[in-house]
Protein backbone atom coordinates (compact mmCIF):
# COMPACT_ATOMS: atom_id res chain seq x y z
CA MET A 1 4.55 10.32 -35.74
CA VAL A 2 2.57 7.98 -33.49
CA ASP A 3 3.16 4.25 -33.62
CA TRP A 4 -0.33 2.73 -33.26
CA THR A 5 1.14 -0.72 -32.64
CA ASP A 6 2.72 0.40 -29.34
CA PRO A 7 0.78 -1.28 -26.51
CA HIS A 8 1.81 1.57 -24.18
CA PRO A 9 1.28 4.81 -26.15
CA PRO A 10 2.71 8.03 -24.73
CA PRO A 11 0.38 10.19 -22.67
CA ALA A 12 -1.29 13.15 -24.31
CA GLY A 13 1.10 16.05 -24.70
CA ALA A 14 4.26 13.92 -24.60
CA ARG A 15 6.86 14.77 -27.20
CA GLU A 16 8.15 12.15 -29.58
CA GLY A 17 11.45 10.70 -28.35
CA SER A 18 10.91 11.82 -24.76
CA ALA A 19 12.06 9.50 -22.02
CA LEU A 20 8.95 8.09 -20.42
CA PRO A 21 8.97 5.70 -17.46
CA PRO A 22 8.39 2.09 -18.45
CA PRO A 23 4.86 0.77 -18.01
CA PRO A 24 4.23 -1.05 -14.73
CA LEU A 25 4.73 -4.81 -14.63
CA ALA A 26 1.75 -7.08 -14.36
CA GLU A 27 1.84 -9.37 -11.32
CA ASP A 28 3.02 -12.36 -13.35
CA GLU A 29 4.64 -10.69 -16.37
CA LEU A 30 7.96 -12.18 -17.42
CA VAL A 31 10.31 -9.87 -19.31
CA ALA A 32 13.43 -10.33 -21.42
CA ILE A 33 16.78 -8.84 -20.46
CA PRO A 34 16.46 -5.64 -22.56
CA ARG A 35 13.21 -4.73 -20.77
CA LEU A 36 14.76 -5.58 -17.38
CA ALA A 37 17.76 -3.38 -18.21
CA GLU A 38 15.39 -0.54 -19.12
CA ARG A 39 13.47 -0.97 -15.87
CA THR A 40 16.54 -1.10 -13.64
CA GLY A 41 18.75 1.48 -15.31
CA VAL A 42 21.70 -0.83 -15.99
CA THR A 43 22.98 -2.45 -19.16
CA PRO A 44 22.13 -6.01 -20.19
CA ARG A 45 25.83 -6.87 -19.70
CA VAL A 46 25.64 -5.78 -16.04
CA LEU A 47 22.54 -7.92 -15.57
CA ARG A 48 24.31 -10.91 -17.13
CA TYR A 49 27.23 -10.36 -14.77
CA TRP A 50 24.88 -10.26 -11.79
CA GLU A 51 23.36 -13.48 -13.12
CA GLU A 52 26.85 -15.06 -13.34
CA LEU A 53 27.40 -14.07 -9.70
CA GLY A 54 24.07 -15.64 -8.74
CA LEU A 55 22.48 -12.38 -7.60
CA ILE A 56 19.58 -12.70 -10.04
CA SER A 57 18.27 -15.88 -11.58
CA PRO A 58 15.91 -15.81 -14.54
CA THR A 59 13.55 -18.61 -15.48
CA ARG A 60 13.28 -20.28 -18.87
CA GLU A 61 10.15 -19.76 -20.92
CA HIS A 62 10.03 -21.49 -24.31
CA GLY A 63 13.82 -21.79 -24.27
CA ARG A 64 14.42 -18.11 -23.51
CA LEU A 65 15.50 -16.45 -20.29
CA ARG A 66 12.80 -14.34 -18.68
CA TYR A 67 12.73 -12.27 -15.51
CA SER A 68 9.82 -12.11 -13.07
CA PRO A 69 8.65 -9.06 -11.08
CA ARG A 70 10.61 -10.47 -8.13
CA ASP A 71 13.78 -10.61 -10.30
CA THR A 72 13.09 -7.00 -11.28
CA ALA A 73 12.78 -6.01 -7.61
CA ILE A 74 16.02 -7.82 -6.75
CA ALA A 75 17.85 -6.15 -9.65
CA ARG A 76 16.57 -2.70 -8.66
CA LEU A 77 17.54 -3.19 -5.03
CA THR A 78 20.94 -4.55 -6.11
CA LYS A 79 21.50 -1.41 -8.18
CA ARG A 80 20.50 0.84 -5.28
CA LEU A 81 22.87 -0.95 -2.93
CA VAL A 82 25.75 -0.95 -5.43
CA ASP A 83 25.15 2.75 -6.10
CA SER A 84 25.32 3.41 -2.35
CA GLY A 85 28.69 1.64 -2.07
CA VAL A 86 27.84 -1.96 -1.16
CA SER A 87 30.14 -4.40 -2.96
CA LEU A 88 28.88 -7.24 -5.12
CA ASP A 89 30.83 -9.60 -2.85
CA GLY A 90 28.87 -8.24 0.10
CA LEU A 91 25.59 -8.85 -1.73
CA ARG A 92 26.67 -12.39 -2.64
CA MET A 93 27.52 -13.04 1.00
CA LEU A 94 24.10 -11.78 2.11
CA LYS A 95 22.42 -14.08 -0.39
CA GLU A 96 24.57 -17.06 0.60
CA LEU A 97 23.87 -16.53 4.31
CA SER A 98 20.14 -16.40 3.63
CA GLU A 99 20.27 -19.56 1.50
CA ARG A 100 22.44 -21.35 4.07
CA GLU A 101 19.89 -20.64 6.78
CA VAL A 102 17.13 -22.19 4.65
CA ARG A 103 19.27 -25.22 3.73
CA ARG A 104 20.16 -25.80 7.39
CA GLY A 105 16.46 -25.79 8.24
CA VAL A 106 15.68 -28.29 5.47
CA ALA A 107 18.56 -30.59 6.48
CA GLY A 108 17.56 -30.68 10.15
CA PRO A 109 16.24 -33.93 11.63
CA ASP A 110 12.87 -32.38 12.35
CA ARG A 111 10.98 -29.64 10.57
CA ARG A 112 10.86 -27.34 13.60
CA GLU A 113 13.79 -25.13 12.51
CA LEU A 114 12.44 -24.87 8.96
CA THR A 115 8.97 -24.06 10.28
CA GLU A 116 10.41 -21.34 12.54
CA LEU A 117 12.37 -19.91 9.62
CA ALA A 118 9.29 -19.90 7.38
CA LEU A 119 7.29 -18.14 10.09
CA ARG A 120 10.06 -15.57 10.63
CA ILE A 121 10.15 -14.83 6.87
CA LEU A 122 6.37 -14.44 6.77
CA TYR A 123 6.48 -12.06 9.74
CA GLN A 124 9.26 -10.06 8.07
CA ARG A 125 7.26 -9.79 4.84
CA LYS A 126 4.17 -8.72 6.78
CA ALA A 127 6.16 -6.09 8.71
CA PHE A 128 7.71 -4.87 5.46
CA ARG A 129 4.26 -4.41 3.91
CA GLU A 130 2.99 -2.61 7.01
CA VAL A 131 5.96 -0.24 7.19
CA THR A 132 6.34 0.52 3.48
CA GLY A 133 2.75 0.07 2.36
CA MET A 134 3.79 -2.21 -0.52
CA ASP A 135 4.96 -5.71 -1.34
CA GLU A 136 8.68 -6.22 -1.71
CA GLU A 137 8.27 -6.64 -5.50
CA HIS A 138 6.81 -3.14 -5.70
CA TYR A 139 9.11 -1.40 -3.21
CA PRO A 140 11.74 -0.29 -5.72
CA ASP A 141 9.10 1.46 -7.84
CA GLY A 142 9.20 4.47 -5.57
CA PRO A 143 10.33 5.70 -2.22
CA PRO A 144 8.50 4.12 0.67
CA PRO A 145 6.41 6.34 2.91
CA PRO A 146 8.11 7.25 6.18
CA PRO A 147 7.75 4.56 8.83
CA HIS A 148 5.00 5.08 11.35
CA HIS A 149 5.60 4.02 14.94
CA GLY A 150 3.19 4.28 17.84
CA PRO A 151 -0.31 5.76 17.95
CA PRO A 152 -1.45 8.10 15.19
CA ARG A 153 -0.29 11.67 15.63
CA PRO A 154 -2.88 14.42 15.66
CA GLU A 155 -2.78 16.63 12.61
CA PRO A 156 -1.07 19.94 13.44
CA PRO A 157 -3.51 22.84 13.56
CA ARG A 158 -3.72 25.08 10.54
CA HIS A 159 -2.93 28.70 11.18
CA GLY A 160 -4.71 31.55 9.54
CA ARG A 161 -7.87 30.60 7.73
CA GLY A 162 -10.38 28.14 9.10
CA PRO A 163 -12.31 25.43 7.26
CA LYS A 164 -13.00 26.28 3.62
CA GLY A 165 -11.15 29.56 3.98
CA ARG A 166 -13.82 31.30 6.12
CA GLY A 167 -12.19 33.48 8.77
CA PRO A 168 -9.48 32.57 11.26
CA HIS A 169 -9.00 29.01 12.47
CA PRO A 170 -11.22 28.40 15.52
CA ASP A 171 -8.50 26.77 17.67
CA PRO A 172 -5.23 28.56 18.43
CA PRO A 173 -2.13 26.36 18.21
CA PRO A 174 -1.08 24.65 21.45
CA PRO A 175 2.24 25.72 23.03
CA GLY A 176 5.21 24.12 21.34
CA TRP A 177 3.67 23.85 17.85
């Protein structure tokens, strides 16, 4: 039976009760903890624990806690790191070191250190986008493409059939291919 009130109906041919991936988040969509748990693959209790540790921090909307796409990205990356063996204490330390660096820049007598930090963060974000092809909020949605360094590589020659399958390929492969 199809539920016509579902804003994200299953694709044609999907069986009822099948596990479908959650719909993508809108750029500014705020979600409640059950939706965040669904999107990250952890329980709401785990998310609340991460919140207690300060690893994620929801905002309040009309008196209710809501999570932004950035919170979703942080939760997904946290899960990946925990699954790979990084401790929650290690993640807390990473967060604290990052925050300490920003606070030190703000507390400085001049704004030079803070300006340098802001520029470094912007360069890191730009490099991240260039290497992965996506913003950090969207990175956990799928594996990043392999990093590309240096000039573009020529496409290896195809062996056998030439363009559109007509006869052998006109260029033999160079030595070492």
